[in-house]
Amino acid sequence: MREVIDRFTYKRIKGYNREQLNEWLTRFGTEIYNDGCRDAAVAEMLALRDEFGFGTQRIGRFMEKRDNTIDCINRRLISVPEIIDGLRGEGLKIKTDFEPEVPEAPKK
């Protein structure tokens, strides 16, 4: 995953106008996002195989379902908060980055 740009890239983009820079930033951000998605998918497959004994067919079905769910989210057929609420309703504990952590009240 890219965390910094190299000096050659910096020299190249230093002369960009705002439109060119915005286009480059969009491409760069998309690459970083895609790298993260790929890394998460590989980690999921590895965990399913190593920890739960999933074979190629079960992992394939899992990935198809995952891709289908992501497609439904992208098409606004369901939202991530709705999915999280449903999973929590079944007792699954999910901590999300977009929810502020509320400290417990001090005990008296």
C-alpha atoms as a PDB file:
ATOM      1  CA  MET A   1       0.000   0.000   0.000  1.00  0.00           C
ATOM      2  CA  ARG A   2       1.242   3.484  -0.796  1.00  0.00           C
ATOM      3  CA  GLU A   3       1.739   5.783   2.153  1.00  0.00           C
ATOM      4  CA  VAL A   4       3.936   8.428   0.565  1.00  0.00           C
ATOM      5  CA  ILE A   5       4.805   9.495  -2.943  1.00  0.00           C
ATOM      6  CA  ASP A   6       8.338   9.262  -4.270  1.00  0.00           C
ATOM      7  CA  ARG A   7      10.394  12.318  -5.216  1.00  0.00           C
ATOM      8  CA  PHE A   8       9.969  11.706  -8.955  1.00  0.00           C
ATOM      9  CA  THR A   9       6.188  11.758  -8.610  1.00  0.00           C
ATOM     10  CA  TYR A  10       6.408  14.877  -6.457  1.00  0.00           C
ATOM     11  CA  LYS A  11       8.523  16.659  -9.080  1.00  0.00           C
ATOM     12  CA  ARG A  12       6.038  15.661 -11.788  1.00  0.00           C
ATOM     13  CA  ILE A  13       2.913  16.810  -9.969  1.00  0.00           C
ATOM     14  CA  LYS A  14       4.473  19.970  -8.524  1.00  0.00           C
ATOM     15  CA  GLY A  15       3.839  21.731 -11.837  1.00  0.00           C
ATOM     16  CA  TYR A  16       0.226  20.567 -12.237  1.00  0.00           C
ATOM     17  CA  ASN A  17      -2.577  23.091 -12.402  1.00  0.00           C
ATOM     18  CA  ARG A  18      -5.579  22.630 -10.073  1.00  0.00           C
ATOM     19  CA  GLU A  19      -7.564  20.515 -12.549  1.00  0.00           C
ATOM     20  CA  GLN A  20      -4.633  18.194 -13.232  1.00  0.00           C
ATOM     21  CA  LEU A  21      -3.885  17.916  -9.516  1.00  0.00           C
ATOM     22  CA  ASN A  22      -7.512  17.086  -8.697  1.00  0.00           C
ATOM     23  CA  GLU A  23      -7.503  14.383 -11.375  1.00  0.00           C
ATOM     24  CA  TRP A  24      -4.233  12.939 -10.052  1.00  0.00           C
ATOM     25  CA  LEU A  25      -5.502  13.012  -6.439  1.00  0.00           C
ATOM     26  CA  THR A  26      -8.672  11.184  -7.471  1.00  0.00           C
ATOM     27  CA  ARG A  27      -6.648   8.472  -9.221  1.00  0.00           C
ATOM     28  CA  PHE A  28      -4.192   8.223  -6.315  1.00  0.00           C
ATOM     29  CA  GLY A  29      -7.012   8.031  -3.752  1.00  0.00           C
ATOM     30  CA  THR A  30      -8.780   5.376  -5.812  1.00  0.00           C
ATOM     31  CA  GLU A  31      -5.598   3.294  -5.976  1.00  0.00           C
ATOM     32  CA  ILE A  32      -5.174   3.491  -2.207  1.00  0.00           C
ATOM     33  CA  TYR A  33      -8.842   2.558  -1.674  1.00  0.00           C
ATOM     34  CA  ASN A  34      -8.557  -0.381  -4.091  1.00  0.00           C
ATOM     35  CA  ASP A  35      -5.359  -1.556  -2.391  1.00  0.00           C
ATOM     36  CA  GLY A  36      -7.190  -1.547   0.950  1.00  0.00           C
ATOM     37  CA  CYS A  37     -10.150  -3.467  -0.497  1.00  0.00           C
ATOM     38  CA  ARG A  38      -7.833  -6.041  -2.023  1.00  0.00           C
ATOM     39  CA  ASP A  39      -5.920  -6.429   1.235  1.00  0.00           C
ATOM     40  CA  ALA A  40      -9.157  -6.891   3.202  1.00  0.00           C
ATOM     41  CA  ALA A  41     -10.437  -9.495   0.735  1.00  0.00           C
ATOM     42  CA  VAL A  42      -7.180 -11.471   0.929  1.00  0.00           C
ATOM     43  CA  ALA A  43      -7.239 -11.320   4.756  1.00  0.00           C
ATOM     44  CA  GLU A  44     -10.851 -12.558   4.761  1.00  0.00           C
ATOM     45  CA  MET A  45     -10.035 -15.463   2.463  1.00  0.00           C
ATOM     46  CA  LEU A  46      -6.979 -16.429   4.496  1.00  0.00           C
ATOM     47  CA  ALA A  47      -8.924 -16.370   7.777  1.00  0.00           C
ATOM     48  CA  LEU A  48     -11.753 -18.426   6.299  1.00  0.00           C
ATOM     49  CA  ARG A  49      -9.314 -20.999   4.973  1.00  0.00           C
ATOM     50  CA  ASP A  50      -6.905 -21.198   7.915  1.00  0.00           C
ATOM     51  CA  GLU A  51      -9.212 -20.689  10.883  1.00  0.00           C
ATOM     52  CA  PHE A  52     -12.478 -22.163   9.670  1.00  0.00           C
ATOM     53  CA  GLY A  53     -11.392 -24.745   7.114  1.00  0.00           C
ATOM     54  CA  PHE A  54     -13.186 -23.190   4.134  1.00  0.00           C
ATOM     55  CA  GLY A  55     -12.253 -24.652   0.767  1.00  0.00           C
ATOM     56  CA  THR A  56     -12.178 -22.903  -2.578  1.00  0.00           C
ATOM     57  CA  GLN A  57     -15.890 -23.402  -3.276  1.00  0.00           C
ATOM     58  CA  ARG A  58     -17.047 -22.016   0.076  1.00  0.00           C
ATOM     59  CA  ILE A  59     -14.628 -19.106  -0.140  1.00  0.00           C
ATOM     60  CA  GLY A  60     -15.878 -18.446  -3.682  1.00  0.00           C
ATOM     61  CA  ARG A  61     -19.506 -18.404  -2.482  1.00  0.00           C
ATOM     62  CA  PHE A  62     -18.542 -16.096   0.381  1.00  0.00           C
ATOM     63  CA  MET A  63     -16.789 -13.680  -1.981  1.00  0.00           C
ATOM     64  CA  GLU A  64     -19.765 -13.701  -4.390  1.00  0.00           C
ATOM     65  CA  LYS A  65     -22.129 -12.863  -1.527  1.00  0.00           C
ATOM     66  CA  ARG A  66     -19.740 -10.175  -0.283  1.00  0.00           C
ATOM     67  CA  ASP A  67     -19.507  -8.619  -3.761  1.00  0.00           C
ATOM     68  CA  ASN A  68     -23.303  -8.782  -4.124  1.00  0.00           C
ATOM     69  CA  THR A  69     -23.758  -7.020  -0.775  1.00  0.00           C
ATOM     70  CA  ILE A  70     -21.252  -4.316  -1.757  1.00  0.00           C
ATOM     71  CA  ASP A  71     -23.131  -3.853  -5.037  1.00  0.00           C
ATOM     72  CA  CYS A  72     -26.414  -3.446  -3.116  1.00  0.00           C
ATOM     73  CA  ILE A  73     -24.773  -0.852  -0.855  1.00  0.00           C
ATOM     74  CA  ASN A  74     -23.384   1.027  -3.880  1.00  0.00           C
ATOM     75  CA  ARG A  75     -26.813   1.011  -5.545  1.00  0.00           C
ATOM     76  CA  ARG A  76     -28.343   2.330  -2.291  1.00  0.00           C
ATOM     77  CA  LEU A  77     -30.615  -0.683  -1.864  1.00  0.00           C
ATOM     78  CA  ILE A  78     -29.356  -1.077   1.712  1.00  0.00           C
ATOM     79  CA  SER A  79     -27.074   0.988   3.900  1.00  0.00           C
ATOM     80  CA  VAL A  80     -24.144  -0.018   6.058  1.00  0.00           C
ATOM     81  CA  PRO A  81     -25.854   1.281   9.225  1.00  0.00           C
ATOM     82  CA  GLU A  82     -28.907  -0.889   8.399  1.00  0.00           C
ATOM     83  CA  ILE A  83     -26.679  -3.948   8.036  1.00  0.00           C
ATOM     84  CA  ILE A  84     -24.868  -3.149  11.283  1.00  0.00           C
ATOM     85  CA  ASP A  85     -28.162  -2.664  13.139  1.00  0.00           C
ATOM     86  CA  GLY A  86     -29.411  -6.015  11.850  1.00  0.00           C
ATOM     87  CA  LEU A  87     -26.240  -7.822  12.883  1.00  0.00           C
ATOM     88  CA  ARG A  88     -26.255  -6.173  16.296  1.00  0.00           C
ATOM     89  CA  GLY A  89     -29.891  -7.199  16.667  1.00  0.00           C
ATOM     90  CA  GLU A  90     -28.686 -10.790  16.341  1.00  0.00           C
ATOM     91  CA  GLY A  91     -26.140 -10.232  19.120  1.00  0.00           C
ATOM     92  CA  LEU A  92     -23.007  -9.598  17.053  1.00  0.00           C
ATOM     93  CA  LYS A  93     -20.731  -6.988  18.605  1.00  0.00           C
ATOM     94  CA  ILE A  94     -19.501  -4.553  15.960  1.00  0.00           C
ATOM     95  CA  LYS A  95     -17.308  -1.531  16.611  1.00  0.00           C
ATOM     96  CA  THR A  96     -17.179   0.959  13.779  1.00  0.00           C
ATOM     97  CA  ASP A  97     -14.763   3.792  13.104  1.00  0.00           C
ATOM     98  CA  PHE A  98     -17.546   6.215  12.259  1.00  0.00           C
ATOM     99  CA  GLU A  99     -19.254   5.991  15.647  1.00  0.00           C
ATOM    100  CA  PRO A 100     -17.866   8.062  18.492  1.00  0.00           C
ATOM    101  CA  GLU A 101     -16.922   6.029  21.501  1.00  0.00           C
ATOM    102  CA  VAL A 102     -19.096   7.088  24.415  1.00  0.00           C
ATOM    103  CA  PRO A 103     -17.387   6.642  27.758  1.00  0.00           C
ATOM    104  CA  GLU A 104     -19.323   4.969  30.518  1.00  0.00           C
ATOM    105  CA  ALA A 105     -20.625   7.163  33.317  1.00  0.00           C
ATOM    106  CA  PRO A 106     -18.377   7.134  36.351  1.00  0.00           C
ATOM    107  CA  LYS A 107     -19.432   4.707  39.048  1.00  0.00           C
ATOM    108  CA  LYS A 108     -20.432   6.262  42.359  1.00  0.00           C
END
